[in-house]
Protein backbone atom coordinates (compact mmCIF):
# COMPACT_ATOMS: atom_id res chain seq x y z
CA UNK A 1 -3.69 20.57 -12.01
CA UNK A 2 -3.16 17.59 -15.42
CA UNK A 3 -3.60 13.92 -15.38
CA UNK A 4 -0.35 12.29 -14.48
CA UNK A 5 -0.67 9.64 -17.12
CA UNK A 6 -2.30 11.47 -20.38
CA UNK A 7 -2.23 15.37 -19.91
CA UNK A 8 -6.30 15.85 -19.37
CA UNK A 9 -7.24 18.79 -17.26
CA UNK A 10 -8.54 17.11 -13.76
CA UNK A 11 -11.88 18.53 -13.05
CA UNK A 12 -13.72 15.51 -11.70
CA UNK A 13 -13.14 14.77 -7.63
CA UNK A 14 -13.68 11.50 -5.77
CA UNK A 15 -12.85 12.49 -1.96
CA UNK A 16 -11.15 15.33 0.09
CA UNK A 17 -9.89 14.15 2.90
CA UNK A 18 -9.06 17.40 4.58
CA UNK A 19 -4.96 18.00 5.24
CA UNK A 20 -2.43 15.33 6.67
CA UNK A 21 0.76 15.17 7.50
CA UNK A 22 2.57 12.01 5.24
CA UNK A 23 1.28 9.20 6.92
CA UNK A 24 4.45 7.52 7.35
CA UNK A 25 6.08 10.56 9.15
CA UNK A 26 6.47 8.67 12.35
CA UNK A 27 7.35 11.10 15.60
CA UNK A 28 10.02 11.23 18.31
CA UNK A 29 9.45 12.46 21.03
CA UNK A 30 11.95 15.89 20.14
CA UNK A 31 9.97 16.09 16.84
CA UNK A 32 6.50 16.75 19.48
CA UNK A 33 8.15 20.37 20.18
CA UNK A 34 8.06 21.24 16.87
CA UNK A 35 5.66 22.01 14.09
CA UNK A 36 4.18 19.19 11.90
CA UNK A 37 4.04 19.60 7.73
CA UNK A 38 0.34 19.25 6.96
CA UNK A 39 -0.73 18.99 3.20
CA UNK A 40 -4.22 18.89 1.37
CA UNK A 41 -5.29 15.26 0.84
CA UNK A 42 -7.98 15.08 -2.11
CA UNK A 43 -8.42 12.87 -5.03
CA UNK A 44 -9.50 13.82 -8.70
CA UNK A 45 -10.12 11.54 -11.38
CA UNK A 46 -9.27 11.75 -15.04
CA UNK A 47 -12.10 11.69 -17.97
CA UNK A 48 -9.72 10.29 -20.45
CA UNK A 49 -7.78 7.76 -18.92
CA UNK A 50 -9.85 7.45 -15.89
CA UNK A 51 -6.51 7.13 -13.67
CA UNK A 52 -7.89 8.67 -9.98
CA UNK A 53 -4.70 10.18 -8.70
CA UNK A 54 -3.72 12.45 -5.38
CA UNK A 55 -3.00 16.28 -6.28
CA UNK A 56 0.60 17.24 -6.16
CA UNK A 57 1.55 18.86 -2.89
CA UNK A 58 4.75 16.94 -1.88
CA UNK A 59 7.93 15.20 -4.03
CA UNK A 60 8.23 11.66 -3.22
CA UNK A 61 11.97 12.22 -1.55
CA UNK A 62 10.25 13.97 1.31
CA UNK A 63 8.00 10.81 1.49
CA UNK A 64 10.38 7.99 0.95
CA UNK A 65 13.50 9.37 3.09
CA UNK A 66 16.05 7.82 5.02
CA UNK A 67 13.82 7.59 8.72
CA UNK A 68 10.86 5.33 6.32
CA UNK A 69 9.34 3.26 8.69
CA UNK A 70 7.65 0.48 6.97
CA UNK A 71 8.97 -2.61 7.03
CA UNK A 72 7.27 -5.55 5.02
CA UNK A 73 8.64 -8.47 7.76
CA UNK A 74 6.68 -7.81 10.40
CA UNK A 75 3.19 -9.14 8.85
CA UNK A 76 3.64 -12.90 9.07
CA UNK A 77 0.83 -13.33 6.37
CA UNK A 78 2.32 -10.28 4.37
CA UNK A 79 5.31 -12.77 4.52
CA UNK A 80 3.49 -16.14 3.46
CA UNK A 81 1.46 -14.08 0.47
CA UNK A 82 5.15 -13.50 -0.39
CA UNK A 83 6.35 -17.30 -0.09
CA UNK A 84 4.13 -18.61 -1.90
CA UNK A 85 4.20 -16.30 -5.02
CA UNK A 86 7.98 -16.95 -5.57
CA UNK A 87 6.49 -20.55 -5.30
CA UNK A 88 3.91 -19.65 -8.23
CA UNK A 89 6.18 -17.54 -10.24
CA UNK A 90 9.34 -20.06 -10.14
CA UNK A 91 6.77 -22.72 -11.52
CA UNK A 92 4.98 -21.38 -14.00
CA UNK A 93 7.86 -19.16 -15.66
CA UNK A 94 10.56 -21.97 -15.01
CA UNK A 95 13.01 -19.54 -12.73
CA UNK A 96 16.23 -21.22 -11.86
CA UNK A 97 20.05 -20.46 -11.45
CA UNK A 98 20.42 -18.96 -14.53
CA UNK A 99 17.23 -16.80 -14.78
CA UNK A 100 17.76 -13.30 -12.86
CA UNK A 101 14.50 -11.92 -10.64
CA UNK A 102 14.59 -7.93 -10.23
CA UNK A 103 11.92 -6.69 -7.15
CA UNK A 104 11.45 -3.16 -7.29
CA UNK A 105 10.52 -1.30 -4.10
CA UNK A 106 11.99 -4.47 -2.11
CA UNK A 107 11.66 -3.19 1.09
CA UNK A 108 13.74 -5.70 3.59
CA UNK A 109 14.05 -8.39 1.76
CA UNK A 110 10.92 -9.60 2.54
CA UNK A 111 10.15 -11.18 -0.69
CA UNK A 112 13.50 -11.80 -2.28
CA UNK A 113 14.50 -14.03 0.64
CA UNK A 114 12.68 -16.78 -0.93
CA UNK A 115 14.30 -16.52 -4.39
CA UNK A 116 17.46 -16.51 -2.83
CA UNK A 117 16.70 -19.71 -0.92
CA UNK A 118 15.40 -21.25 -4.12
CA UNK A 119 19.03 -20.34 -5.82
CA UNK A 120 17.51 -17.71 -8.10
CA UNK A 121 20.13 -14.71 -9.06
CA UNK A 122 17.65 -11.97 -7.41
CA UNK A 123 18.31 -7.82 -6.98
CA UNK A 124 16.31 -5.49 -5.09
CA UNK A 125 15.76 -1.97 -5.97
CA UNK A 126 14.85 0.09 -2.96
CA UNK A 127 14.98 3.94 -2.04
CA UNK A 128 14.84 3.83 1.45
CA UNK A 129 17.66 3.13 3.57
CA UNK A 130 16.54 1.52 6.20
CA UNK A 131 15.34 -0.96 4.74
CA UNK A 132 17.61 -1.69 1.54
CA UNK A 133 20.11 -2.18 5.18
CA UNK A 134 17.48 -4.62 6.40
CA UNK A 135 17.74 -6.79 3.14
CA UNK A 136 21.54 -6.60 2.71
CA UNK A 137 21.63 -8.05 6.24
CA UNK A 138 19.82 -11.04 4.41
CA UNK A 139 22.51 -11.18 1.54
CA UNK A 140 20.39 -9.72 -1.05
CA UNK A 141 21.86 -7.16 -3.04
CA UNK A 142 20.16 -3.80 -3.24
CA UNK A 143 20.47 -0.80 -4.97
CA UNK A 144 19.79 2.28 -3.14
CA UNK A 145 17.52 4.05 -5.75
CA UNK A 146 14.15 5.29 -7.62
CA UNK A 147 13.40 2.93 -10.07
CA UNK A 148 12.84 4.59 -13.76
CA UNK A 149 13.83 4.68 -16.92
CA UNK A 150 17.08 6.19 -16.41
CA UNK A 151 17.99 3.45 -13.94
CA UNK A 152 16.91 0.47 -16.01
CA UNK A 153 19.09 1.92 -18.72
CA UNK A 154 22.06 2.00 -16.18
CA UNK A 155 21.57 -1.83 -15.44
CA UNK A 156 21.00 -2.51 -18.87
CA UNK A 157 24.24 -1.33 -19.61
CA UNK A 158 25.48 -3.16 -16.93
CA UNK A 159 24.67 -6.31 -18.83
CA UNK A 160 21.41 -7.00 -16.31
CA UNK A 161 18.06 -7.93 -18.14
CA UNK A 162 15.43 -9.55 -15.70
CA UNK A 163 13.23 -12.62 -16.34
CA UNK A 164 10.77 -11.71 -13.77
CA UNK A 165 10.37 -8.44 -11.80
CA UNK A 166 8.24 -7.52 -9.24
CA UNK A 167 6.57 -4.66 -8.10
CA UNK A 168 4.52 -5.70 -4.76
CA UNK A 169 2.37 -2.45 -3.81
CA UNK A 170 4.56 0.15 -5.52
CA UNK A 171 3.17 0.98 -8.58
CA UNK A 172 0.58 3.58 -6.78
CA UNK A 173 3.97 5.30 -4.90
CA UNK A 174 5.01 6.69 -7.93
CA UNK A 175 4.29 10.11 -9.48
CA UNK A 176 5.82 9.35 -12.74
CA UNK A 177 3.72 6.74 -13.72
CA UNK A 178 4.63 6.93 -17.69
CA UNK A 179 8.31 7.08 -16.58
CA UNK A 180 8.18 3.96 -13.97
CA UNK A 181 6.27 1.40 -16.24
CA UNK A 182 8.56 2.33 -18.67
CA UNK A 183 11.64 1.14 -16.79
CA UNK A 184 9.93 -2.28 -17.04
CA UNK A 185 10.08 -2.64 -20.61
CA UNK A 186 13.54 -1.29 -21.01
CA UNK A 187 14.55 -4.24 -18.23
CA UNK A 188 12.58 -7.05 -19.39
CA UNK A 189 14.23 -9.78 -21.39
CA UNK A 190 11.78 -10.33 -24.69
CA UNK A 191 10.56 -13.08 -23.04
CA UNK A 192 10.57 -11.89 -19.49
CA UNK A 193 7.43 -10.95 -16.95
CA UNK A 194 7.00 -8.45 -14.11
CA UNK A 195 3.89 -8.28 -11.90
CA UNK A 196 2.33 -5.34 -10.16
CA UNK A 197 0.34 -5.85 -6.79
CA UNK A 198 -1.93 -2.80 -6.01
CA UNK A 199 -5.17 -2.68 -4.13
CA UNK A 200 -7.77 -2.46 -7.10
CA UNK A 201 -9.93 0.90 -7.01
CA UNK A 202 -13.05 -1.01 -7.76
CA UNK A 203 -12.94 -2.87 -4.00
CA UNK A 204 -11.89 0.98 -2.80
CA UNK A 205 -15.34 2.39 -3.87
CA UNK A 206 -17.91 -0.40 -3.06
CA UNK A 207 -16.02 -0.46 0.68
CA UNK A 208 -15.31 2.54 1.15
CA UNK A 209 -11.90 2.06 2.01
CA UNK A 210 -11.03 5.67 2.15
CA UNK A 211 -8.40 4.96 4.33
CA UNK A 212 -5.66 3.62 1.80
CA UNK A 213 -6.18 7.08 0.32
CA UNK A 214 -2.54 9.15 1.35
CA UNK A 215 0.01 11.14 0.35
CA UNK A 216 2.19 8.40 -0.14
CA UNK A 217 -0.47 6.98 -2.95
CA UNK A 218 -0.30 8.82 -5.82
CA UNK A 219 -2.73 6.83 -7.85
CA UNK A 220 -5.29 4.77 -7.27
CA UNK A 221 -5.88 1.76 -10.13
CA UNK A 222 -8.32 0.06 -12.41
CA UNK A 223 -7.36 -2.66 -14.31
CA UNK A 224 -9.36 -0.11 -17.18
CA UNK A 225 -6.53 2.52 -15.78
CA UNK A 226 -3.54 0.40 -15.90
CA UNK A 227 -3.98 -1.37 -19.18
CA UNK A 228 -3.94 1.88 -20.78
CA UNK A 229 -1.03 3.15 -18.92
CA UNK A 230 1.06 -0.19 -19.65
CA UNK A 231 0.09 -0.15 -23.69
CA UNK A 232 1.40 3.48 -23.73
CA UNK A 233 4.71 2.52 -21.99
CA UNK A 234 6.02 -0.76 -23.93
CA UNK A 235 4.05 -2.94 -21.74
CA UNK A 236 1.07 -5.35 -22.50
CA UNK A 237 -0.99 -7.09 -19.67
CA UNK A 238 -1.56 -10.90 -20.60
CA UNK A 239 -3.10 -12.32 -17.43
CA UNK A 240 -4.78 -10.83 -13.90
CA UNK A 241 -5.26 -12.22 -10.37
CA UNK A 242 -7.78 -11.09 -8.05
CA UNK A 243 -5.74 -11.23 -4.41
CA UNK A 244 -7.76 -10.67 -1.17
CA UNK A 245 -4.10 -8.83 0.39
CA UNK A 246 -4.96 -4.97 1.46
CA UNK A 247 -8.87 -5.52 1.02
CA UNK A 248 -8.53 -7.08 -2.29
CA UNK A 249 -5.71 -6.34 -4.83
CA UNK A 250 -5.19 -7.28 -8.37
CA UNK A 251 -2.11 -8.61 -9.55
CA UNK A 252 -1.27 -7.62 -13.24
CA UNK A 253 1.11 -9.76 -15.53
CA UNK A 254 2.36 -7.75 -17.99
CA UNK A 255 5.17 -8.53 -20.45
CA UNK A 256 6.76 -6.39 -23.42
CA UNK A 257 5.09 -5.33 -26.28
CA UNK A 258 5.23 -8.14 -28.86
CA UNK A 259 6.11 -10.80 -26.01
CA UNK A 260 5.25 -14.56 -26.15
CA UNK A 261 1.91 -14.95 -23.57
CA UNK A 262 -1.61 -14.69 -24.97
CA UNK A 263 -4.02 -12.55 -23.27
CA UNK A 264 -6.21 -14.69 -20.83
CA UNK A 265 -9.74 -14.42 -20.77
CA UNK A 266 -9.50 -12.82 -16.94
CA UNK A 267 -8.42 -10.11 -18.65
CA UNK A 268 -10.60 -9.71 -20.99
CA UNK A 269 -13.57 -10.56 -18.41
CA UNK A 270 -12.42 -8.28 -15.69
CA UNK A 271 -12.59 -5.28 -17.85
CA UNK A 272 -15.97 -5.85 -18.71
CA UNK A 273 -17.12 -5.64 -15.52
CA UNK A 274 -15.77 -2.33 -14.44
CA UNK A 275 -16.94 -0.90 -17.55
CA UNK A 276 -20.40 -2.24 -16.34
CA UNK A 277 -20.08 -0.80 -13.28
CA UNK A 278 -19.09 2.25 -14.59
CA UNK A 279 -15.72 2.67 -13.66
CA UNK A 280 -15.03 4.67 -16.95
CA UNK A 281 -17.97 7.44 -15.97
CA UNK A 282 -18.09 10.18 -13.94
CA UNK A 283 -21.35 9.07 -11.38
CA UNK A 284 -19.05 5.65 -10.49
CA UNK A 285 -16.94 7.87 -8.04
CA UNK A 286 -19.66 9.92 -6.49
CA UNK A 287 -20.70 9.06 -3.08
CA UNK A 288 -17.57 7.88 -1.55
CA UNK A 289 -17.25 11.28 0.53
CA UNK A 290 -20.40 10.99 2.08
CA UNK A 291 -19.51 7.41 2.89
CA UNK A 292 -16.48 8.26 4.59
CA UNK A 293 -18.03 11.13 6.78
CA UNK A 294 -20.06 8.66 8.08
CA UNK A 295 -17.62 6.12 9.42
CA UNK A 296 -15.74 8.99 10.33
CA UNK A 297 -18.83 10.18 12.75
CA UNK A 298 -19.50 6.73 13.86
CA UNK A 299 -15.83 5.83 15.07
CA UNK A 300 -16.06 9.06 16.73
CA UNK A 301 -19.12 8.54 18.41
CA UNK A 302 -18.12 5.35 19.47
CA UNK A 303 -15.08 6.52 21.15
CA UNK A 304 -16.63 9.74 23.02
CA UNK A 305 -19.13 6.69 24.35
CA UNK A 306 -16.56 4.54 25.91
CA UNK A 307 -14.76 7.11 27.78
CA UNK A 308 -18.05 8.34 29.10
CA UNK A 309 -19.00 5.11 30.35
CA UNK A 310 -15.40 4.99 32.25
CA UNK A 311 -14.16 1.67 29.43
CA UNK A 312 -11.13 1.90 28.12
CA UNK A 313 -9.92 1.80 23.82
CA UNK A 314 -6.65 1.41 22.70
CA UNK A 315 -5.46 1.06 18.98
CA UNK A 316 -3.70 -1.64 17.40
CA UNK A 317 -1.56 -1.17 14.17
CA UNK A 318 0.67 2.49 13.37
CA UNK A 319 -0.04 1.50 9.81
CA UNK A 320 -0.65 4.67 7.04
CA UNK A 321 -4.38 3.65 6.47
CA UNK A 322 -4.53 3.98 10.18
CA UNK A 323 -3.48 7.81 10.24
CA UNK A 324 -5.92 9.01 7.25
CA UNK A 325 -8.38 7.21 9.22
CA UNK A 326 -7.46 9.10 13.06
CA UNK A 327 -6.31 12.06 11.02
CA UNK A 328 -9.51 12.59 9.00
CA UNK A 329 -11.76 11.72 12.06
CA UNK A 330 -9.55 14.13 14.23
CA UNK A 331 -8.88 11.32 16.63
CA UNK A 332 -6.19 12.69 19.12
CA UNK A 333 -4.78 10.68 22.52
CA UNK A 334 -7.55 11.69 25.09
CA UNK A 335 -9.57 9.15 23.03
CA UNK A 336 -7.08 6.52 21.63
CA UNK A 337 -4.31 7.15 24.27
CA UNK A 338 -1.77 4.16 22.41
CA UNK A 339 -1.25 2.60 19.38
CA UNK A 340 0.16 -0.70 19.74
CA UNK A 341 2.64 -2.07 16.80
CA UNK A 342 5.17 -5.14 16.47
CA UNK A 343 7.50 -2.86 14.41
CA UNK A 344 10.36 -1.81 16.74
CA UNK A 345 11.15 0.80 14.37
CA UNK A 346 8.13 2.67 15.36
CA UNK A 347 7.52 2.00 18.72
CA UNK A 348 8.46 4.88 21.26
CA UNK A 349 7.58 7.36 18.31
CA UNK A 350 4.40 8.83 17.70
CA UNK A 351 1.59 8.71 14.98
CA UNK A 352 1.66 11.46 12.57
CA UNK A 353 -0.78 14.65 13.15
CA UNK A 354 -2.81 12.81 16.09
CA UNK A 355 0.72 12.45 17.92
CA UNK A 356 -0.48 8.97 19.78
CA UNK A 357 2.18 7.19 21.50
CA UNK A 358 3.39 4.11 19.34
CA UNK A 359 4.33 1.29 21.95
CA UNK A 360 4.85 -2.53 21.92
CA UNK A 361 2.25 -5.48 22.84
CA UNK A 362 3.50 -5.40 26.35
CA UNK A 363 0.78 -2.72 27.03
CA UNK A 364 -2.11 -4.88 26.60
CA UNK A 365 -1.60 -7.23 29.30
CA UNK A 366 -1.26 -3.99 31.95
CA UNK A 367 -3.70 -1.99 30.33
CA UNK A 368 -6.62 -4.39 29.75
CA UNK A 369 -8.49 -2.29 27.21
CA UNK A 370 -12.17 -3.25 26.74
CA UNK A 371 -11.83 -2.18 23.13
CA UNK A 372 -8.97 -2.44 20.96
CA UNK A 373 -9.61 -0.88 17.65
CA UNK A 374 -7.48 -2.60 14.42
CA UNK A 375 -6.41 0.24 12.39
CA UNK A 376 -5.33 -2.18 9.65
CA UNK A 377 -8.25 -4.27 9.07
CA UNK A 378 -7.08 -5.80 6.06
CA UNK A 379 -4.96 -7.60 8.99
CA UNK A 380 -7.55 -8.63 11.22
CA UNK A 381 -7.54 -12.08 11.22
CA UNK A 382 -3.81 -12.19 12.13
CA UNK A 383 -4.30 -9.05 14.92
CA UNK A 384 -6.83 -10.84 16.30
CA UNK A 385 -4.87 -13.97 16.72
CA UNK A 386 -2.17 -12.48 17.86
CA UNK A 387 -4.10 -10.30 20.80
CA UNK A 388 -6.53 -12.79 21.43
CA UNK A 389 -5.06 -12.68 24.81
CA UNK A 390 -7.77 -9.92 25.42
CA UNK A 391 -10.57 -11.91 25.63
CA UNK A 392 -9.29 -12.84 28.93
CA UNK A 393 -10.88 -9.86 30.63
CA UNK A 394 -13.85 -9.67 28.35
CA UNK A 395 -11.96 -7.04 25.78
CA UNK A 396 -13.52 -6.98 22.45
CA UNK A 397 -12.02 -5.77 18.76
CA UNK A 398 -13.62 -2.65 16.98
CA UNK A 399 -13.62 -2.21 13.25
CA UNK A 400 -14.70 0.89 11.86
CA UNK A 401 -14.36 0.32 7.80
CA UNK A 402 -16.73 -0.38 5.95
CA UNK A 403 -18.96 0.06 9.26
CA UNK A 404 -18.37 -0.14 12.87
CA UNK A 405 -18.13 -3.63 14.33
CA UNK A 406 -17.81 -4.50 17.82
CA UNK A 407 -16.23 -8.41 17.37
CA UNK A 408 -16.18 -10.39 20.76
């Protein structure tokens, strides 16, 4: 396989998680009677541009189809994050009724609803039918399509150019990263700004966040790699923020080459930090495999011991990262009989691979689990607050990554 960005041959392995089905391919009861498609899940690193990337085995149309079940609005903390973002961008870049805010991968309108409330004209671009329909119900115009140069040129021909473009947690999801990034340089106004949020590769390595690896994530991004990719596709990075979201993310601010903004010191500092850590060396990527296997073994031992002791465990959060962890560890419903999720689109379905039933929060009051395994560990504070009632019967929360810990 060759690098998605620069075309160099990929030889440096980062991690091999065996095989797994697509992490958002939730199953219906009828699907349980049929087979699932499993694909190898391996990440390699380009030693020329240092882009970490999954091997190609499944196309985006198979991953992001009309049954795609991830709806952003079911996380209160993420909605608050989106609202703060709109307020910050509107103030910093003087956005108003004569501006245009375009979000790529706008999902169910979780973010653009706040631009709309401020009277900022907005447009969502979202390829999955269910989430696009939910956005339209909020009054947000949404184009149901994948984004790239072709769509950018089409929108430009219609007279549209963006003052602000937003791409939250989508840069890692695109197989043709060059085409995707070039689309922003085509659609931005000469003084427009694009922001990209994505989980930071450094945090993934440092905290063994291997469960953020799944087929929908084609790339695992450092600022070093992003700066290189953007420069090759007509964008320049001028600012960067470190965010706590998704276990540690970056928000990169970019403009068209020759834009009005000077590169901030924060960009220079973070690029230097990554070089000091060794992001541009092969040794940096060694060791993640061993740590992932330790986490897998610790989780299995905990669940087996819990069952032997006659105690009950369940899980919370039918998230993609949870599916990676459960399938890598080989956990099935004999050890975790159910997973709670607030999203009605997931309730009544089954986790891909493990085929564990997905249920509503009501099961907690019926089953009184001794342990509740929080699969989306990045939302642990929100989950523990929502499910604080389990403490009434002595229930405890458990996290598996980066180390197994039980929280009373």
